[in-house]
C-alpha cells in the first residue's frame, strides 16, 4: 500500500489541504520581499565628490571644480585637487584625482541606501553589488543545510527555526553599524530564508494528491508574485533602507503566529516510524475533509514498509546509473540557467529609463498571467517543450533588447517584461518537471541538487551585471546565450506528460513507469471510442 492511497482515503484535496496551502502562502510571499530586496536597499543614487573645503569660498561655483565625463555630466568619482588651479569658467590646469572628502548623494529617489550609508561607490561599488552575491551564497548553504535538517528532524520544527531565525537576522541587518556586520547578517538571512522555500514546497507536495500537485505548485508560486508586487509598493513608501528592511521582515511574525496550524508531514512521520503521530494527523485531515477513514496501525505500518527503502539512498545515487546521470546533468544545467536568467532580469530594473518602482511592479504583475498560462499549457505541449521553449524565447528576447536603442525606453521595457514572463514560466515549470523526473527514492536529493545549482546561478547573476562597466551589452548577451543553450539541453530530457511518477531508480533505467502509464492511458481512452467527445 502506498501513501497516495491513504491520502485519497482521508481526502486528497479538500478543506484540510486548502488550509495548509493558504498558510504556506505566507512564507512564499516573504521570500521575494527578501530575495529581490537588493534592488532597493542597495540602489546607487546619483552622486559626485563632496567638496566641503570649497563650499564656503565658492558656494555658487562648487560644481565647476568637478571634471566632466565624456557625456558632459559631472564626474561621479573624480575631482580637481586645489581651487587655485581653476578659473570660474570651469577650465582646469591640472588633471583630476579621486574624491578626497567623500561623496554627495542625490536624495530625490532614496533617502538612504547601503551605497550612500557606507560610500560603496566608485572604487568600492563592487562591494555593494557583491551584497546580492553574499545573500545568495547563504541561500546555497541553506539549501544543503535545511534539506538535511528537514529530513532529519521533520518539516514543521525546521519551518519554525527558519521563521524565527529569519526574523532575528532581518532585524539585526536593519540595525547593522558597519558594512561587514550587514554583509554577515544578510548572508545568514539567506541561509535562514531557504528553510522557508524548501520546507513549504515539501509540505505542499506531501499533503496533496498527485493529480493536484500542479495546481498546488501554481498557487504557491503565485504567492511569490504577490510578494514581488508588494515589494514595489513597500519600496515606494519607504525610501530608507533600514525602514524597508524592517518592513519586509515584519511578515515573519505573521508566519510564526500561523505556524501552530501547520501539520507535520504524515509521509515523513511514517518514513521515520512515528506511526501513532501520523495516524493522529491523518485523522485530523479526514475529520476536516468530512471523511470517515479507518486508519489502523497495521495499515499504516504497510505504508511505512513501502517507504523505508528511501532511507538507503543519497546524492551519489543521482550519478550511478546512465539514464539518471543524464537527467541529473541536464536538469542541473537547466536549473542553473533558469535562476541565472531570472535574477539577471530581476536585478536590472533601472536599465530601461523608467521608474524603478513601476518596473518592479510590472515585473511582478507579468508573472501572474505567465504562471496561469503555464498551468493551462503544460498538459497540451508537455513539460519538455514548455521548459525548452520558455528558456529559448526568453534568451531571444534578452538578445533582441540589446539591439534596441536606449532612447526607446518604453519598447525596451516592454520586451524585457515579456522576457521576464518567459523566465518566470521557465522557473515554474522547472519545479514541477524536476519533481517528475527524479524517482521517489531520490526525489528530495534531486530537488536539493538542482536547487543548489540554481542558487549558484542566482549568486553569479549580480556579479555578471558588473561587466556592464566594461561593455554594456556583455551581461544581457551572456544571459541570452545561457538561456538559449540551456533550452536546447532541455530537449535531451525525457517527457513526463501523462507518465506515472517513477518510484525507483530501476523505473527510470528500464522505463517501467512509462509502460504502465501507456496501459492506463489506453484504458482511459476507451470511452472515447463510443463517440464521447474529449472535454
Protein backbone atom coordinates (compact mmCIF):
# COMPACT_ATOMS: atom_id res chain seq x y z
CA UNK A 1 0.00 0.00 0.00
CA UNK A 2 1.30 3.45 -0.93
CA UNK A 3 0.83 6.74 0.87
CA UNK A 4 -1.16 8.18 -2.05
CA UNK A 5 -3.89 5.60 -1.34
CA UNK A 6 -4.04 6.69 2.29
CA UNK A 7 -4.18 10.32 1.19
CA UNK A 8 -7.10 9.58 -1.11
CA UNK A 9 -8.93 7.91 1.76
CA UNK A 10 -8.66 10.98 4.01
CA UNK A 11 -9.46 13.39 1.17
CA UNK A 12 -6.76 14.07 -1.39
CA UNK A 13 -7.52 17.73 -1.92
CA UNK A 14 -10.24 19.29 0.24
CA UNK A 15 -10.60 21.77 3.09
CA UNK A 16 -7.61 20.48 5.06
CA UNK A 17 -5.29 20.84 2.06
CA UNK A 18 -6.70 24.28 1.24
CA UNK A 19 -5.98 25.42 4.81
CA UNK A 20 -2.40 24.14 4.63
CA UNK A 21 -1.93 25.73 1.21
CA UNK A 22 -3.16 29.14 2.36
CA UNK A 23 -0.93 29.09 5.45
CA UNK A 24 2.10 28.11 3.37
CA UNK A 25 1.43 31.04 1.00
CA UNK A 26 2.58 33.44 3.76
CA UNK A 27 6.25 32.35 3.66
CA UNK A 28 6.06 32.26 -0.14
CA UNK A 29 5.14 35.96 -0.07
CA UNK A 30 8.01 36.67 2.33
CA UNK A 31 10.64 35.12 0.05
CA UNK A 32 10.62 37.65 -2.85
CA UNK A 33 10.46 40.53 -0.36
CA UNK A 34 13.95 39.45 0.71
CA UNK A 35 15.33 37.78 -2.41
CA UNK A 36 14.79 40.88 -4.57
CA UNK A 37 15.37 43.44 -1.82
CA UNK A 38 18.82 44.27 -3.17
CA UNK A 39 17.20 46.30 -5.97
CA UNK A 40 16.17 48.97 -3.46
CA UNK A 41 18.27 48.82 -0.29
CA UNK A 42 21.49 48.74 -2.34
CA UNK A 43 20.47 51.09 -5.15
CA UNK A 44 23.19 53.55 -6.16
CA UNK A 45 21.82 57.13 -6.22
CA UNK A 46 23.39 59.83 -8.43
CA UNK A 47 26.47 61.21 -6.67
CA UNK A 48 29.57 63.32 -7.05
CA UNK A 49 32.59 64.20 -4.96
CA UNK A 50 31.88 66.16 -1.80
CA UNK A 51 33.73 69.50 -1.74
CA UNK A 52 33.36 70.81 1.82
CA UNK A 53 36.65 72.74 1.62
CA UNK A 54 35.25 74.78 -1.28
CA UNK A 55 31.66 75.29 -0.13
CA UNK A 56 32.35 78.44 1.88
CA UNK A 57 34.59 80.21 -0.63
CA UNK A 58 32.98 79.13 -3.89
CA UNK A 59 29.40 78.25 -2.91
CA UNK A 60 27.94 79.44 -6.20
CA UNK A 61 30.54 77.69 -8.35
CA UNK A 62 31.32 74.50 -6.39
CA UNK A 63 30.32 72.11 -9.17
CA UNK A 64 32.70 73.87 -11.57
CA UNK A 65 35.51 72.34 -9.58
CA UNK A 66 34.41 68.88 -10.76
CA UNK A 67 35.67 67.39 -14.03
CA UNK A 68 33.23 66.26 -16.73
CA UNK A 69 32.72 62.77 -18.09
CA UNK A 70 32.76 62.24 -21.88
CA UNK A 71 28.95 62.54 -21.96
CA UNK A 72 29.14 66.03 -20.45
CA UNK A 73 27.88 65.18 -16.98
CA UNK A 74 29.86 65.89 -13.82
CA UNK A 75 32.17 63.07 -12.83
CA UNK A 76 30.86 60.84 -10.03
CA UNK A 77 34.27 59.67 -8.89
CA UNK A 78 36.84 62.40 -9.51
CA UNK A 79 37.57 65.99 -8.55
CA UNK A 80 40.20 68.61 -9.20
CA UNK A 81 42.73 68.80 -6.35
CA UNK A 82 43.01 72.53 -5.48
CA UNK A 83 40.75 75.53 -6.16
CA UNK A 84 43.68 77.76 -7.19
CA UNK A 85 44.14 75.55 -10.24
CA UNK A 86 40.76 76.71 -11.64
CA UNK A 87 39.18 79.74 -13.11
CA UNK A 88 35.45 80.19 -12.69
CA UNK A 89 34.80 79.30 -16.31
CA UNK A 90 35.41 75.69 -15.37
CA UNK A 91 38.81 75.24 -17.08
CA UNK A 92 41.31 73.19 -15.15
CA UNK A 93 45.07 73.35 -15.39
CA UNK A 94 45.74 70.07 -13.61
CA UNK A 95 44.42 66.53 -14.04
CA UNK A 96 41.65 65.26 -11.76
CA UNK A 97 42.15 62.98 -8.76
CA UNK A 98 39.83 60.53 -6.92
CA UNK A 99 37.35 62.03 -4.46
CA UNK A 100 39.20 63.29 -1.36
CA UNK A 101 36.32 64.11 1.01
CA UNK A 102 33.68 61.50 0.30
CA UNK A 103 30.56 61.92 -1.82
CA UNK A 104 27.40 63.95 -2.00
CA UNK A 105 24.29 61.92 -2.91
CA UNK A 106 21.07 62.84 -4.63
CA UNK A 107 18.28 62.11 -2.13
CA UNK A 108 15.42 62.58 -4.60
CA UNK A 109 14.64 58.88 -5.11
CA UNK A 110 16.09 57.25 -1.97
CA UNK A 111 16.72 58.85 1.41
CA UNK A 112 19.44 56.32 2.09
CA UNK A 113 20.79 53.05 0.73
CA UNK A 114 23.73 50.82 1.65
CA UNK A 115 25.69 52.57 -1.11
CA UNK A 116 25.22 56.01 0.45
CA UNK A 117 25.46 54.69 4.02
CA UNK A 118 28.98 53.28 3.62
CA UNK A 119 30.12 55.04 0.40
CA UNK A 120 30.03 51.85 -1.66
CA UNK A 121 30.56 53.69 -4.94
CA UNK A 122 33.34 54.23 -7.48
CA UNK A 123 36.26 52.00 -6.50
CA UNK A 124 34.14 50.31 -3.81
CA UNK A 125 31.00 49.76 -5.87
CA UNK A 126 31.86 46.09 -6.35
CA UNK A 127 31.29 45.61 -2.62
CA UNK A 128 27.77 46.99 -2.94
CA UNK A 129 26.94 44.68 -5.86
CA UNK A 130 28.56 41.77 -4.02
CA UNK A 131 25.96 42.07 -1.25
CA UNK A 132 23.49 40.24 -3.51
CA UNK A 133 26.07 37.53 -4.14
CA UNK A 134 26.72 37.14 -0.40
CA UNK A 135 22.98 36.71 0.15
CA UNK A 136 22.65 34.01 -2.49
CA UNK A 137 25.74 32.24 -1.21
CA UNK A 138 23.83 31.98 2.05
CA UNK A 139 20.84 30.63 0.12
CA UNK A 140 23.10 27.97 -1.41
CA UNK A 141 24.34 26.88 2.00
CA UNK A 142 20.81 26.93 3.34
CA UNK A 143 19.61 24.59 0.58
CA UNK A 144 22.03 21.91 1.76
CA UNK A 145 21.63 22.60 5.49
CA UNK A 146 17.84 22.84 5.72
CA UNK A 147 17.37 19.98 3.28
CA UNK A 148 19.23 17.71 5.68
CA UNK A 149 17.60 19.16 8.81
CA UNK A 150 14.07 18.83 7.40
CA UNK A 151 14.68 15.16 6.61
CA UNK A 152 16.31 14.57 10.00
CA UNK A 153 14.00 16.44 12.39
CA UNK A 154 10.81 16.97 10.41
CA UNK A 155 9.30 19.71 8.27
CA UNK A 156 7.31 21.57 10.92
CA UNK A 157 10.02 22.25 13.57
CA UNK A 158 12.56 23.27 10.93
CA UNK A 159 9.99 25.63 9.41
CA UNK A 160 9.71 27.36 12.79
CA UNK A 161 13.52 27.60 13.01
CA UNK A 162 13.51 29.28 9.61
CA UNK A 163 10.78 31.76 10.63
CA UNK A 164 12.43 32.77 13.91
CA UNK A 165 15.99 32.98 12.57
CA UNK A 166 14.85 34.99 9.53
CA UNK A 167 13.07 37.44 11.83
CA UNK A 168 16.03 37.86 14.18
CA UNK A 169 18.61 38.19 11.39
CA UNK A 170 16.43 40.62 9.45
CA UNK A 171 16.19 42.93 12.46
CA UNK A 172 19.92 42.58 13.12
CA UNK A 173 20.69 43.51 9.50
CA UNK A 174 18.45 46.59 9.74
CA UNK A 175 20.42 47.83 12.75
CA UNK A 176 23.85 47.00 11.31
CA UNK A 177 26.52 49.53 12.26
CA UNK A 178 29.06 48.51 9.61
CA UNK A 179 29.26 47.03 6.14
CA UNK A 180 30.83 43.83 7.49
CA UNK A 181 28.05 43.32 10.03
CA UNK A 182 25.40 43.91 7.36
CA UNK A 183 27.08 41.52 4.89
CA UNK A 184 27.27 38.77 7.52
CA UNK A 185 23.64 39.27 8.60
CA UNK A 186 22.38 39.21 5.00
CA UNK A 187 24.36 36.06 4.25
CA UNK A 188 22.92 34.31 7.30
CA UNK A 189 19.46 35.62 6.35
CA UNK A 190 19.88 33.84 3.03
CA UNK A 191 20.60 30.62 4.90
CA UNK A 192 17.54 31.05 7.15
CA UNK A 193 15.11 32.06 4.40
CA UNK A 194 15.97 28.97 2.35
CA UNK A 195 14.32 26.90 5.06
CA UNK A 196 11.00 28.55 4.17
CA UNK A 197 11.47 27.81 0.48
CA UNK A 198 12.27 24.11 0.52
CA UNK A 199 10.16 23.19 3.57
CA UNK A 200 6.95 24.81 2.33
CA UNK A 201 7.43 23.15 -1.05
CA UNK A 202 7.91 19.73 0.57
CA UNK A 203 4.87 20.14 2.84
CA UNK A 204 2.59 21.23 -0.01
CA UNK A 205 3.64 18.28 -2.19
CA UNK A 206 3.44 15.71 0.59
CA UNK A 207 -0.07 16.76 1.66
CA UNK A 208 -1.50 16.92 -1.88
CA UNK A 209 -2.60 14.11 -4.17
CA UNK A 210 -0.64 13.56 -7.38
CA UNK A 211 -3.37 14.93 -9.64
CA UNK A 212 -3.46 18.26 -7.76
CA UNK A 213 0.26 18.90 -7.32
CA UNK A 214 0.49 21.14 -10.38
CA UNK A 215 -2.35 23.26 -9.02
CA UNK A 216 -0.76 23.47 -5.55
CA UNK A 217 2.59 24.41 -7.04
CA UNK A 218 0.96 27.14 -9.12
CA UNK A 219 -0.85 28.61 -6.10
CA UNK A 220 2.35 28.68 -4.04
CA UNK A 221 4.19 30.21 -6.97
CA UNK A 222 1.56 32.96 -7.22
CA UNK A 223 2.43 33.84 -3.62
CA UNK A 224 5.89 34.75 -4.91
CA UNK A 225 4.33 37.08 -7.50
CA UNK A 226 2.23 38.79 -4.83
CA UNK A 227 5.36 39.37 -2.75
CA UNK A 228 7.12 40.69 -5.84
CA UNK A 229 4.46 43.36 -6.37
CA UNK A 230 4.22 44.10 -2.65
CA UNK A 231 7.95 44.82 -2.59
CA UNK A 232 7.47 47.57 -5.19
CA UNK A 233 4.78 49.19 -3.02
CA UNK A 234 6.83 48.99 0.19
CA UNK A 235 9.93 50.35 -1.53
CA UNK A 236 7.91 53.25 -2.93
CA UNK A 237 6.52 54.15 0.51
CA UNK A 238 9.74 53.55 2.50
CA UNK A 239 12.77 55.22 0.93
CA UNK A 240 15.14 54.50 3.83
CA UNK A 241 16.87 51.13 3.54
CA UNK A 242 16.68 50.36 7.27
CA UNK A 243 12.95 51.04 7.42
CA UNK A 244 12.36 48.96 4.29
CA UNK A 245 14.35 46.05 5.70
CA UNK A 246 12.29 46.10 8.89
CA UNK A 247 9.07 46.22 6.83
CA UNK A 248 9.94 43.10 4.79
CA UNK A 249 10.99 41.29 7.98
CA UNK A 250 7.72 42.04 9.82
CA UNK A 251 5.65 39.37 7.94
CA UNK A 252 7.82 36.73 9.63
CA UNK A 253 5.85 37.48 12.80
CA UNK A 254 2.62 36.56 10.99
CA UNK A 255 4.27 33.38 9.72
CA UNK A 256 5.30 32.44 13.27
CA UNK A 257 1.74 33.04 14.51
CA UNK A 258 0.21 30.77 11.84
CA UNK A 259 2.86 28.06 12.25
CA UNK A 260 0.78 26.43 15.01
CA UNK A 261 -1.83 25.40 12.41
CA UNK A 262 0.70 23.81 10.06
CA UNK A 263 0.56 19.99 10.31
CA UNK A 264 3.64 17.84 10.20
CA UNK A 265 4.05 15.78 7.05
CA UNK A 266 2.31 12.44 7.61
CA UNK A 267 4.55 10.87 4.98
CA UNK A 268 7.66 11.97 6.86
CA UNK A 269 6.23 10.65 10.14
CA UNK A 270 5.58 7.25 8.55
CA UNK A 271 9.02 7.07 6.98
CA UNK A 272 10.56 7.68 10.42
CA UNK A 273 8.40 5.09 12.16
CA UNK A 274 6.23 7.56 14.09
CA UNK A 275 3.04 5.74 13.15
CA UNK A 276 0.84 6.94 16.02
CA UNK A 277 1.62 10.60 15.31
CA UNK A 278 0.93 10.05 11.62
CA UNK A 279 -2.34 8.36 12.46
CA UNK A 280 -3.41 11.31 14.61
CA UNK A 281 -2.59 13.88 11.92
CA UNK A 282 -4.32 11.85 9.20
CA UNK A 283 -7.44 11.52 11.35
CA UNK A 284 -7.47 15.30 11.76
CA UNK A 285 -7.22 15.63 7.99
CA UNK A 286 -10.08 13.18 7.43
CA UNK A 287 -12.28 14.94 10.02
CA UNK A 288 -11.81 18.37 8.44
CA UNK A 289 -12.42 16.92 4.98
CA UNK A 290 -15.63 15.22 6.14
CA UNK A 291 -14.26 11.73 5.53
CA UNK A 292 -14.55 8.64 7.71
CA UNK A 293 -11.23 6.87 7.43
CA UNK A 294 -10.34 3.60 9.17
CA UNK A 295 -6.61 4.01 9.51
CA UNK A 296 -5.45 1.30 11.86
CA UNK A 297 -1.84 0.85 12.88
CA UNK A 298 -1.41 -2.27 10.76
CA UNK A 299 -2.44 -0.45 7.58
CA UNK A 300 -0.07 2.43 8.24
CA UNK A 301 2.76 0.03 9.02
CA UNK A 302 2.40 -1.37 5.50
CA UNK A 303 2.90 2.16 4.15
CA UNK A 304 5.93 2.52 6.40
CA UNK A 305 7.46 -0.65 4.97
CA UNK A 306 6.96 0.64 1.43
CA UNK A 307 8.58 3.97 2.25
CA UNK A 308 11.55 2.54 4.17
CA UNK A 309 13.63 1.97 1.04
CA UNK A 310 14.14 5.70 0.56
CA UNK A 311 16.40 5.81 3.62
CA UNK A 312 19.22 3.95 1.89
CA UNK A 313 19.74 6.49 -0.90
CA UNK A 314 21.94 9.58 -1.14
CA UNK A 315 23.12 12.26 -3.56
CA UNK A 316 25.60 9.78 -5.07
CA UNK A 317 22.72 7.75 -6.49
CA UNK A 318 22.00 10.62 -8.89
CA UNK A 319 25.09 9.76 -10.95
CA UNK A 320 25.50 5.98 -10.51
CA UNK A 321 23.27 4.85 -13.40
CA UNK A 322 23.37 6.15 -17.00
CA UNK A 323 19.82 7.46 -17.53
CA UNK A 324 19.55 9.05 -14.10
CA UNK A 325 23.02 10.55 -14.55
CA UNK A 326 21.90 12.12 -17.84
CA UNK A 327 18.78 13.50 -16.16
CA UNK A 328 20.87 14.91 -13.28
CA UNK A 329 23.38 16.63 -15.55
CA UNK A 330 20.81 18.11 -17.94
CA UNK A 331 18.40 19.22 -15.22
CA UNK A 332 21.30 20.78 -13.31
CA UNK A 333 22.24 22.85 -16.37
CA UNK A 334 18.61 23.90 -16.82
CA UNK A 335 18.24 24.96 -13.18
CA UNK A 336 21.46 26.97 -13.25
CA UNK A 337 20.28 28.82 -16.37
CA UNK A 338 16.74 29.35 -15.07
CA UNK A 339 17.91 31.09 -11.89
CA UNK A 340 20.81 32.85 -13.63
CA UNK A 341 18.44 34.33 -16.19
CA UNK A 342 15.59 35.12 -13.77
CA UNK A 343 17.73 37.08 -11.31
CA UNK A 344 19.73 38.67 -14.11
CA UNK A 345 16.49 40.24 -15.37
CA UNK A 346 15.10 40.94 -11.90
CA UNK A 347 18.21 42.83 -10.75
CA UNK A 348 18.16 45.09 -13.82
CA UNK A 349 15.09 47.20 -13.05
CA UNK A 350 16.88 50.53 -13.61
CA UNK A 351 18.33 49.78 -17.03
CA UNK A 352 15.37 50.87 -19.15
CA UNK A 353 14.96 54.53 -18.23
CA UNK A 354 11.63 54.13 -16.41
CA UNK A 355 10.62 54.43 -12.76
CA UNK A 356 12.26 51.59 -10.81
CA UNK A 357 9.22 51.08 -8.60
CA UNK A 358 6.88 50.80 -11.58
CA UNK A 359 9.28 48.44 -13.35
CA UNK A 360 9.45 46.21 -10.27
CA UNK A 361 5.65 46.14 -10.03
CA UNK A 362 5.25 45.31 -13.72
CA UNK A 363 7.85 42.56 -13.40
CA UNK A 364 5.79 41.05 -10.58
CA UNK A 365 2.45 41.55 -12.33
CA UNK A 366 3.57 39.85 -15.57
CA UNK A 367 4.38 36.71 -13.58
CA UNK A 368 0.70 36.12 -12.80
CA UNK A 369 -0.52 35.53 -16.39
CA UNK A 370 2.76 33.72 -17.12
CA UNK A 371 2.11 31.22 -14.32
CA UNK A 372 -1.58 30.81 -15.07
CA UNK A 373 -0.82 30.34 -18.77
CA UNK A 374 1.87 27.81 -17.91
CA UNK A 375 -0.59 25.85 -15.79
CA UNK A 376 -3.06 25.51 -18.68
CA UNK A 377 -0.45 24.92 -21.41
CA UNK A 378 1.67 22.25 -19.76
CA UNK A 379 -0.87 19.48 -20.34
CA UNK A 380 -1.02 20.40 -24.02
CA UNK A 381 2.58 21.00 -25.05
CA UNK A 382 4.31 18.82 -22.46
CA UNK A 383 6.89 19.54 -19.79
CA UNK A 384 9.95 19.18 -22.03
CA UNK A 385 8.69 21.52 -24.76
CA UNK A 386 7.46 24.01 -22.16
CA UNK A 387 10.81 24.06 -20.35
CA UNK A 388 12.89 24.27 -23.51
CA UNK A 389 10.90 26.91 -25.39
CA UNK A 390 10.36 29.16 -22.37
CA UNK A 391 14.14 29.31 -21.94
CA UNK A 392 14.86 29.80 -25.64
CA UNK A 393 12.24 32.53 -26.12
CA UNK A 394 13.43 34.35 -23.02
CA UNK A 395 17.01 34.23 -24.27
CA UNK A 396 15.98 35.53 -27.69
CA UNK A 397 14.05 38.45 -26.16
CA UNK A 398 17.01 39.40 -23.96
CA UNK A 399 19.25 39.34 -27.02
CA UNK A 400 16.79 41.45 -29.05
CA UNK A 401 16.74 44.04 -26.29
CA UNK A 402 20.44 44.70 -26.71
CA UNK A 403 19.81 45.83 -30.30
CA UNK A 404 17.08 48.33 -29.36
CA UNK A 405 18.46 51.90 -28.91
CA UNK A 406 18.44 53.17 -25.33
CA UNK A 407 16.24 56.07 -26.34
CA UNK A 408 13.29 53.72 -26.85
CA UNK A 409 12.83 53.08 -23.13
CA UNK A 410 9.17 52.07 -23.47
CA UNK A 411 9.92 49.48 -26.16
CA UNK A 412 12.91 48.11 -24.25
CA UNK A 413 10.84 47.80 -21.08
CA UNK A 414 8.06 46.01 -22.98
CA UNK A 415 10.46 43.48 -24.46
CA UNK A 416 12.11 43.00 -21.05
CA UNK A 417 8.73 42.41 -19.41
CA UNK A 418 7.89 39.73 -21.99
CA UNK A 419 11.28 38.15 -21.32
CA UNK A 420 10.55 38.29 -17.61
CA UNK A 421 7.28 36.45 -18.21
CA UNK A 422 9.04 33.63 -20.06
CA UNK A 423 11.74 33.45 -17.37
CA UNK A 424 9.05 33.02 -14.72
CA UNK A 425 7.34 30.35 -16.82
CA UNK A 426 10.68 28.53 -17.03
CA UNK A 427 11.08 28.73 -13.25
CA UNK A 428 7.53 27.48 -12.62
CA UNK A 429 7.98 24.53 -15.00
CA UNK A 430 11.37 23.66 -13.50
CA UNK A 431 9.89 22.94 -10.07
CA UNK A 432 7.21 20.61 -11.44
CA UNK A 433 9.35 18.99 -14.15
CA UNK A 434 12.22 18.20 -11.79
CA UNK A 435 9.90 16.57 -9.25
CA UNK A 436 8.52 14.35 -12.02
CA UNK A 437 11.91 13.43 -13.50
CA UNK A 438 13.52 12.03 -10.35
CA UNK A 439 12.21 8.80 -8.79
CA UNK A 440 10.62 8.88 -5.36
CA UNK A 441 13.59 7.28 -3.62
CA UNK A 442 15.91 10.15 -4.60
CA UNK A 443 13.42 12.91 -5.41
CA UNK A 444 14.41 15.04 -2.41
CA UNK A 445 18.08 14.63 -3.30
CA UNK A 446 17.32 15.62 -6.88
CA UNK A 447 15.46 18.74 -5.78
CA UNK A 448 18.25 19.65 -3.36
CA UNK A 449 20.94 19.20 -6.01
CA UNK A 450 19.13 21.23 -8.67
CA UNK A 451 18.19 23.91 -6.14
CA UNK A 452 21.86 24.24 -5.18
CA UNK A 453 22.88 24.79 -8.81
CA UNK A 454 20.01 27.22 -9.27
CA UNK A 455 21.17 29.30 -6.30
CA UNK A 456 24.69 29.22 -7.74
CA UNK A 457 23.29 30.80 -10.89
CA UNK A 458 21.42 33.35 -8.79
CA UNK A 459 24.59 34.32 -6.92
CA UNK A 460 26.59 34.80 -10.14
CA UNK A 461 23.95 36.96 -11.85
CA UNK A 462 24.68 40.18 -9.88
CA UNK A 463 28.42 39.71 -10.42
CA UNK A 464 27.92 39.43 -14.17
CA UNK A 465 25.93 42.69 -14.18
CA UNK A 466 29.13 44.44 -13.05
CA UNK A 467 30.60 43.75 -16.51
CA UNK A 468 28.36 46.46 -17.96
CA UNK A 469 31.04 48.97 -16.90
CA UNK A 470 33.40 47.26 -19.34
CA UNK A 471 30.87 46.59 -22.11
CA UNK A 472 27.22 47.47 -21.58
CA UNK A 473 25.99 44.63 -23.80
CA UNK A 474 28.07 41.93 -22.11
CA UNK A 475 25.61 40.95 -19.31
CA UNK A 476 22.46 40.67 -21.49
CA UNK A 477 24.33 38.73 -24.17
CA UNK A 478 25.65 36.29 -21.59
CA UNK A 479 22.17 35.84 -20.14
CA UNK A 480 20.79 35.36 -23.64
CA UNK A 481 23.34 32.74 -24.73
CA UNK A 482 23.00 30.83 -21.46
CA UNK A 483 19.21 30.70 -21.77
CA UNK A 484 19.23 29.52 -25.39
CA UNK A 485 21.89 26.85 -24.81
CA UNK A 486 20.15 25.50 -21.70
CA UNK A 487 16.85 25.45 -23.60
CA UNK A 488 18.47 23.19 -26.20
CA UNK A 489 19.79 20.98 -23.37
CA UNK A 490 16.23 20.63 -22.04
CA UNK A 491 15.30 18.77 -25.23
CA UNK A 492 17.61 15.95 -24.07
CA UNK A 493 15.40 15.28 -21.03
CA UNK A 494 12.60 12.69 -21.17
CA UNK A 495 8.97 13.81 -21.40
CA UNK A 496 6.89 13.29 -18.25
CA UNK A 497 3.46 14.35 -19.52
CA UNK A 498 0.86 11.72 -18.55
CA UNK A 499 3.65 9.43 -17.34
CA UNK A 500 3.35 7.83 -13.91
CA UNK A 501 5.85 9.17 -11.43
CA UNK A 502 8.85 6.81 -11.18
CA UNK A 503 9.20 5.21 -7.76
CA UNK A 504 12.64 3.59 -8.00
CA UNK A 505 15.86 4.09 -9.93
CA UNK A 506 15.05 0.90 -11.84
CA UNK A 507 11.82 2.52 -13.04
CA UNK A 508 13.89 5.25 -14.66
CA UNK A 509 16.54 2.96 -16.12
CA UNK A 510 14.09 0.37 -17.51
CA UNK A 511 11.26 2.76 -18.37
CA UNK A 512 8.73 0.67 -16.43
CA UNK A 513 6.76 3.72 -15.29
CA UNK A 514 6.27 4.73 -18.93
CA UNK A 515 4.97 1.30 -19.93
CA UNK A 516 2.47 1.22 -17.09
CA UNK A 517 1.23 4.69 -17.95
CA UNK A 518 0.66 3.69 -21.57
CA UNK A 519 -1.55 0.87 -20.35
CA UNK A 520 -3.50 3.27 -18.12
CA UNK A 521 -3.78 5.74 -20.98
CA UNK A 522 -5.29 3.06 -23.24
CA UNK A 523 -7.83 2.16 -20.57
CA UNK A 524 -8.79 5.79 -20.07
CA UNK A 525 -9.20 6.34 -23.81
CA UNK A 526 -11.73 3.52 -24.35
CA UNK A 527 -14.86 5.62 -23.62
CA UNK A 528 -13.88 7.94 -26.43
CA UNK A 529 -14.36 5.13 -28.95
CA UNK A 530 -18.10 5.16 -28.38
CA UNK A 531 -18.34 8.69 -29.72
CA UNK A 532 -17.88 10.62 -26.49
CA UNK A 533 -16.08 13.88 -27.23
CA UNK A 534 -12.91 14.78 -25.37
CA UNK A 535 -13.50 17.66 -22.95
